[in-house]
PDB file of all heavy atoms in Angstrom:
ATOM      1  N   ILE A   1       3.674  -3.201   8.341  1.00  0.00           N
ATOM      2  CA  ILE A   1       3.215  -3.932   9.515  1.00  0.00           C
ATOM      3  C   ILE A   1       1.806  -3.490   9.895  1.00  0.00           C
ATOM      4  O   ILE A   1       1.387  -2.364   9.615  1.00  0.00           O
ATOM      5  CB  ILE A   1       4.163  -3.745  10.720  1.00  0.00           C
ATOM      6  CG1 ILE A   1       4.318  -2.268  11.091  1.00  0.00           C
ATOM      7  CG2 ILE A   1       5.512  -4.390  10.459  1.00  0.00           C
ATOM      8  CD1 ILE A   1       5.109  -2.032  12.371  1.00  0.00           C
ATOM      9  N   ALA A   2       1.074  -4.400  10.536  1.00  0.00           N
ATOM     10  CA  ALA A   2      -0.291  -4.114  10.965  1.00  0.00           C
ATOM     11  C   ALA A   2      -0.556  -4.850  12.269  1.00  0.00           C
ATOM     12  O   ALA A   2       0.021  -5.914  12.536  1.00  0.00           O
ATOM     13  CB  ALA A   2      -1.296  -4.550   9.894  1.00  0.00           C
ATOM     14  N   ALA A   3      -1.429  -4.286  13.087  1.00  0.00           N
ATOM     15  CA  ALA A   3      -1.806  -4.923  14.344  1.00  0.00           C
ATOM     16  C   ALA A   3      -3.067  -4.277  14.871  1.00  0.00           C
ATOM     17  O   ALA A   3      -3.391  -3.122  14.538  1.00  0.00           O
ATOM     18  CB  ALA A   3      -0.688  -4.792  15.388  1.00  0.00           C
ATOM     19  N   ILE A   4      -3.795  -5.026  15.680  1.00  0.00           N
ATOM     20  CA  ILE A   4      -4.907  -4.454  16.429  1.00  0.00           C
ATOM     21  C   ILE A   4      -4.312  -3.689  17.600  1.00  0.00           C
ATOM     22  O   ILE A   4      -3.582  -4.252  18.411  1.00  0.00           O
ATOM     23  CB  ILE A   4      -5.863  -5.560  16.923  1.00  0.00           C
ATOM     24  CG1 ILE A   4      -6.448  -6.319  15.731  1.00  0.00           C
ATOM     25  CG2 ILE A   4      -6.987  -4.956  17.768  1.00  0.00           C
ATOM     26  CD1 ILE A   4      -7.257  -7.544  16.126  1.00  0.00           C
ATOM     27  N   ALA A   5      -4.601  -2.403  17.698  1.00  0.00           N
ATOM     28  CA  ALA A   5      -3.952  -1.532  18.685  1.00  0.00           C
ATOM     29  C   ALA A   5      -4.775  -1.328  19.944  1.00  0.00           C
ATOM     30  O   ALA A   5      -4.330  -0.627  20.852  1.00  0.00           O
ATOM     31  CB  ALA A   5      -3.636  -0.178  18.057  1.00  0.00           C
ATOM     32  N   THR A   6      -5.963  -1.914  19.992  1.00  0.00           N
ATOM     33  CA  THR A   6      -6.806  -1.794  21.176  1.00  0.00           C
ATOM     34  C   THR A   6      -6.830  -3.117  21.923  1.00  0.00           C
ATOM     35  O   THR A   6      -6.537  -4.167  21.345  1.00  0.00           O
ATOM     36  CB  THR A   6      -8.233  -1.376  20.769  1.00  0.00           C
ATOM     37  OG1 THR A   6      -8.627  -2.090  19.593  1.00  0.00           O
ATOM     38  CG2 THR A   6      -8.306   0.111  20.493  1.00  0.00           C
ATOM     39  N   PRO A   7      -7.153  -3.105  23.227  1.00  0.00           N
ATOM     40  CA  PRO A   7      -7.114  -4.344  24.020  1.00  0.00           C
ATOM     41  C   PRO A   7      -8.075  -5.407  23.496  1.00  0.00           C
ATOM     42  O   PRO A   7      -9.074  -5.104  22.830  1.00  0.00           O
ATOM     43  CB  PRO A   7      -7.535  -3.871  25.421  1.00  0.00           C
ATOM     44  CG  PRO A   7      -7.268  -2.413  25.437  1.00  0.00           C
ATOM     45  CD  PRO A   7      -7.485  -1.931  24.044  1.00  0.00           C
ATOM     46  N   GLN A   8      -7.771  -6.655  23.807  1.00  0.00           N
ATOM     47  CA  GLN A   8      -8.630  -7.759  23.416  1.00  0.00           C
ATOM     48  C   GLN A   8      -9.989  -7.651  24.113  1.00  0.00           C
ATOM     49  O   GLN A   8     -10.099  -7.089  25.192  1.00  0.00           O
ATOM     50  CB  GLN A   8      -7.977  -9.093  23.771  1.00  0.00           C
ATOM     51  CG  GLN A   8      -6.710  -9.377  22.994  1.00  0.00           C
ATOM     52  CD  GLN A   8      -6.132 -10.743  23.314  1.00  0.00           C
ATOM     53  OE1 GLN A   8      -6.700 -11.489  24.092  1.00  0.00           O
ATOM     54  NE2 GLN A   8      -5.003 -11.064  22.716  1.00  0.00           N
ATOM     55  N   GLY A   9     -10.995  -8.208  23.473  1.00  0.00           N
ATOM     56  CA  GLY A   9     -12.325  -8.189  24.046  1.00  0.00           C
ATOM     57  C   GLY A   9     -13.220  -7.195  23.323  1.00  0.00           C
ATOM     58  O   GLY A   9     -12.830  -6.568  22.341  1.00  0.00           O
ATOM     59  N   ARG A  10     -14.427  -7.043  23.827  1.00  0.00           N
ATOM     60  CA  ARG A  10     -15.399  -6.154  23.200  1.00  0.00           C
ATOM     61  C   ARG A  10     -15.232  -4.727  23.716  1.00  0.00           C
ATOM     62  O   ARG A  10     -14.931  -4.513  24.876  1.00  0.00           O
ATOM     63  CB  ARG A  10     -16.821  -6.642  23.474  1.00  0.00           C
ATOM     64  CG  ARG A  10     -17.150  -7.959  22.791  1.00  0.00           C
ATOM     65  CD  ARG A  10     -18.530  -8.457  23.174  1.00  0.00           C
ATOM     66  NE  ARG A  10     -18.894  -9.645  22.424  1.00  0.00           N
ATOM     67  CZ  ARG A  10     -18.497 -10.877  22.742  1.00  0.00           C
ATOM     68  NH1 ARG A  10     -17.740 -11.059  23.819  1.00  0.00           N
ATOM     69  NH2 ARG A  10     -18.848 -11.905  22.011  1.00  0.00           N
ATOM     70  N   GLY A  11     -15.478  -3.771  22.826  1.00  0.00           N
ATOM     71  CA  GLY A  11     -15.413  -2.366  23.203  1.00  0.00           C
ATOM     72  C   GLY A  11     -16.175  -1.523  22.212  1.00  0.00           C
ATOM     73  O   GLY A  11     -16.557  -1.988  21.127  1.00  0.00           O
ATOM     74  N   GLY A  12     -16.415  -0.289  22.558  1.00  0.00           N
ATOM     75  CA  GLY A  12     -17.143   0.595  21.661  1.00  0.00           C
ATOM     76  C   GLY A  12     -16.381   0.863  20.377  1.00  0.00           C
ATOM     77  O   GLY A  12     -16.967   0.999  19.305  1.00  0.00           O
ATOM     78  N   ILE A  13     -15.060   0.950  20.471  1.00  0.00           N
ATOM     79  CA  ILE A  13     -14.219   1.256  19.314  1.00  0.00           C
ATOM     80  C   ILE A  13     -13.024   0.303  19.310  1.00  0.00           C
ATOM     81  O   ILE A  13     -12.454  -0.004  20.356  1.00  0.00           O
ATOM     82  CB  ILE A  13     -13.712   2.716  19.356  1.00  0.00           C
ATOM     83  CG1 ILE A  13     -14.884   3.689  19.278  1.00  0.00           C
ATOM     84  CG2 ILE A  13     -12.726   2.998  18.227  1.00  0.00           C
ATOM     85  CD1 ILE A  13     -14.491   5.141  19.448  1.00  0.00           C
ATOM     86  N   GLY A  14     -12.659  -0.152  18.125  1.00  0.00           N
ATOM     87  CA  GLY A  14     -11.453  -0.947  17.941  1.00  0.00           C
ATOM     88  C   GLY A  14     -10.598  -0.309  16.869  1.00  0.00           C
ATOM     89  O   GLY A  14     -11.121   0.314  15.930  1.00  0.00           O
ATOM     90  N   VAL A  15      -9.277  -0.430  16.990  1.00  0.00           N
ATOM     91  CA  VAL A  15      -8.358   0.236  16.058  1.00  0.00           C
ATOM     92  C   VAL A  15      -7.388  -0.785  15.485  1.00  0.00           C
ATOM     93  O   VAL A  15      -6.759  -1.550  16.219  1.00  0.00           O
ATOM     94  CB  VAL A  15      -7.567   1.362  16.767  1.00  0.00           C
ATOM     95  CG1 VAL A  15      -6.565   1.990  15.797  1.00  0.00           C
ATOM     96  CG2 VAL A  15      -8.502   2.421  17.312  1.00  0.00           C
ATOM     97  N   VAL A  16      -7.285  -0.785  14.159  1.00  0.00           N
ATOM     98  CA  VAL A  16      -6.223  -1.509  13.466  1.00  0.00           C
ATOM     99  C   VAL A  16      -5.249  -0.472  12.946  1.00  0.00           C
ATOM    100  O   VAL A  16      -5.651   0.484  12.255  1.00  0.00           O
ATOM    101  CB  VAL A  16      -6.772  -2.368  12.309  1.00  0.00           C
ATOM    102  CG1 VAL A  16      -5.617  -2.945  11.493  1.00  0.00           C
ATOM    103  CG2 VAL A  16      -7.640  -3.499  12.847  1.00  0.00           C
ATOM    104  N   ARG A  17      -3.982  -0.635  13.276  1.00  0.00           N
ATOM    105  CA  ARG A  17      -2.949   0.343  12.904  1.00  0.00           C
ATOM    106  C   ARG A  17      -1.989  -0.285  11.912  1.00  0.00           C
ATOM    107  O   ARG A  17      -1.583  -1.448  12.063  1.00  0.00           O
ATOM    108  CB  ARG A  17      -2.199   0.792  14.156  1.00  0.00           C
ATOM    109  CG  ARG A  17      -1.025   1.707  13.896  1.00  0.00           C
ATOM    110  CD  ARG A  17      -0.327   2.064  15.192  1.00  0.00           C
ATOM    111  NE  ARG A  17      -1.139   2.977  15.988  1.00  0.00           N
ATOM    112  CZ  ARG A  17      -0.927   3.223  17.278  1.00  0.00           C
ATOM    113  NH1 ARG A  17       0.044   2.584  17.920  1.00  0.00           N
ATOM    114  NH2 ARG A  17      -1.676   4.090  17.922  1.00  0.00           N
ATOM    115  N   LEU A  18      -1.617   0.481  10.893  1.00  0.00           N
ATOM    116  CA  LEU A  18      -0.636   0.057   9.900  1.00  0.00           C
ATOM    117  C   LEU A  18       0.473   1.078   9.819  1.00  0.00           C
ATOM    118  O   LEU A  18       0.252   2.279  10.011  1.00  0.00           O
ATOM    119  CB  LEU A  18      -1.267  -0.093   8.507  1.00  0.00           C
ATOM    120  CG  LEU A  18      -2.424  -1.067   8.345  1.00  0.00           C
ATOM    121  CD1 LEU A  18      -3.734  -0.312   8.373  1.00  0.00           C
ATOM    122  CD2 LEU A  18      -2.278  -1.857   7.048  1.00  0.00           C
ATOM    123  N   SER A  19       1.687   0.612   9.489  1.00  0.00           N
ATOM    124  CA  SER A  19       2.825   1.508   9.302  1.00  0.00           C
ATOM    125  C   SER A  19       3.732   0.932   8.225  1.00  0.00           C
ATOM    126  O   SER A  19       3.959  -0.275   8.161  1.00  0.00           O
ATOM    127  CB  SER A  19       3.608   1.680  10.609  1.00  0.00           C
ATOM    128  OG  SER A  19       4.707   2.576  10.421  1.00  0.00           O
ATOM    129  N   GLY A  20       4.223   1.814   7.343  1.00  0.00           N
ATOM    130  CA  GLY A  20       5.122   1.374   6.286  1.00  0.00           C
ATOM    131  C   GLY A  20       5.575   2.545   5.445  1.00  0.00           C
ATOM    132  O   GLY A  20       5.215   3.699   5.692  1.00  0.00           O
ATOM    133  N   ARG A  21       6.365   2.235   4.412  1.00  0.00           N
ATOM    134  CA  ARG A  21       6.945   3.290   3.576  1.00  0.00           C
ATOM    135  C   ARG A  21       5.893   4.005   2.730  1.00  0.00           C
ATOM    136  O   ARG A  21       5.966   5.197   2.507  1.00  0.00           O
ATOM    137  CB  ARG A  21       8.035   2.697   2.679  1.00  0.00           C
ATOM    138  CG  ARG A  21       9.298   2.283   3.426  1.00  0.00           C
ATOM    139  CD  ARG A  21       9.928   3.479   4.129  1.00  0.00           C
ATOM    140  NE  ARG A  21      11.125   3.115   4.852  1.00  0.00           N
ATOM    141  CZ  ARG A  21      12.361   3.258   4.373  1.00  0.00           C
ATOM    142  NH1 ARG A  21      12.542   3.751   3.170  1.00  0.00           N
ATOM    143  NH2 ARG A  21      13.398   2.914   5.110  1.00  0.00           N
ATOM    144  N   ASP A  22       4.908   3.271   2.194  1.00  0.00           N
ATOM    145  CA  ASP A  22       3.895   3.892   1.334  1.00  0.00           C
ATOM    146  C   ASP A  22       2.582   3.143   1.527  1.00  0.00           C
ATOM    147  O   ASP A  22       2.464   1.980   1.140  1.00  0.00           O
ATOM    148  CB  ASP A  22       4.337   3.837  -0.124  1.00  0.00           C
ATOM    149  CG  ASP A  22       3.343   4.533  -1.057  1.00  0.00           C
ATOM    150  OD1 ASP A  22       2.360   5.125  -0.557  1.00  0.00           O
ATOM    151  OD2 ASP A  22       3.559   4.471  -2.284  1.00  0.00           O
ATOM    152  N   LEU A  23       1.604   3.798   2.119  1.00  0.00           N
ATOM    153  CA  LEU A  23       0.317   3.159   2.401  1.00  0.00           C
ATOM    154  C   LEU A  23      -0.795   3.632   1.474  1.00  0.00           C
ATOM    155  O   LEU A  23      -1.958   3.284   1.678  1.00  0.00           O
ATOM    156  CB  LEU A  23      -0.094   3.440   3.857  1.00  0.00           C
ATOM    157  CG  LEU A  23       0.828   2.889   4.940  1.00  0.00           C
ATOM    158  CD1 LEU A  23       0.236   3.166   6.322  1.00  0.00           C
ATOM    159  CD2 LEU A  23       1.043   1.397   4.765  1.00  0.00           C
ATOM    160  N   SER A  24      -0.446   4.416   0.460  1.00  0.00           N
ATOM    161  CA  SER A  24      -1.502   4.947  -0.419  1.00  0.00           C
ATOM    162  C   SER A  24      -2.242   3.822  -1.133  1.00  0.00           C
ATOM    163  O   SER A  24      -3.474   3.843  -1.244  1.00  0.00           O
ATOM    164  CB  SER A  24      -0.901   5.923  -1.434  1.00  0.00           C
ATOM    165  OG  SER A  24       0.117   5.302  -2.202  1.00  0.00           O
ATOM    166  N   GLY A  25      -1.505   2.813  -1.608  1.00  0.00           N
ATOM    167  CA  GLY A  25      -2.139   1.710  -2.321  1.00  0.00           C
ATOM    168  C   GLY A  25      -3.066   0.902  -1.441  1.00  0.00           C
ATOM    169  O   GLY A  25      -4.191   0.566  -1.841  1.00  0.00           O
TER     170      GLY A  25
END
């Protein structure tokens, strides 16, 4: 799964977060 983890709109930093069994690939 993946999602933007920071609020909508403009900001100094934005974060996309992923989670799963194996993310090395």
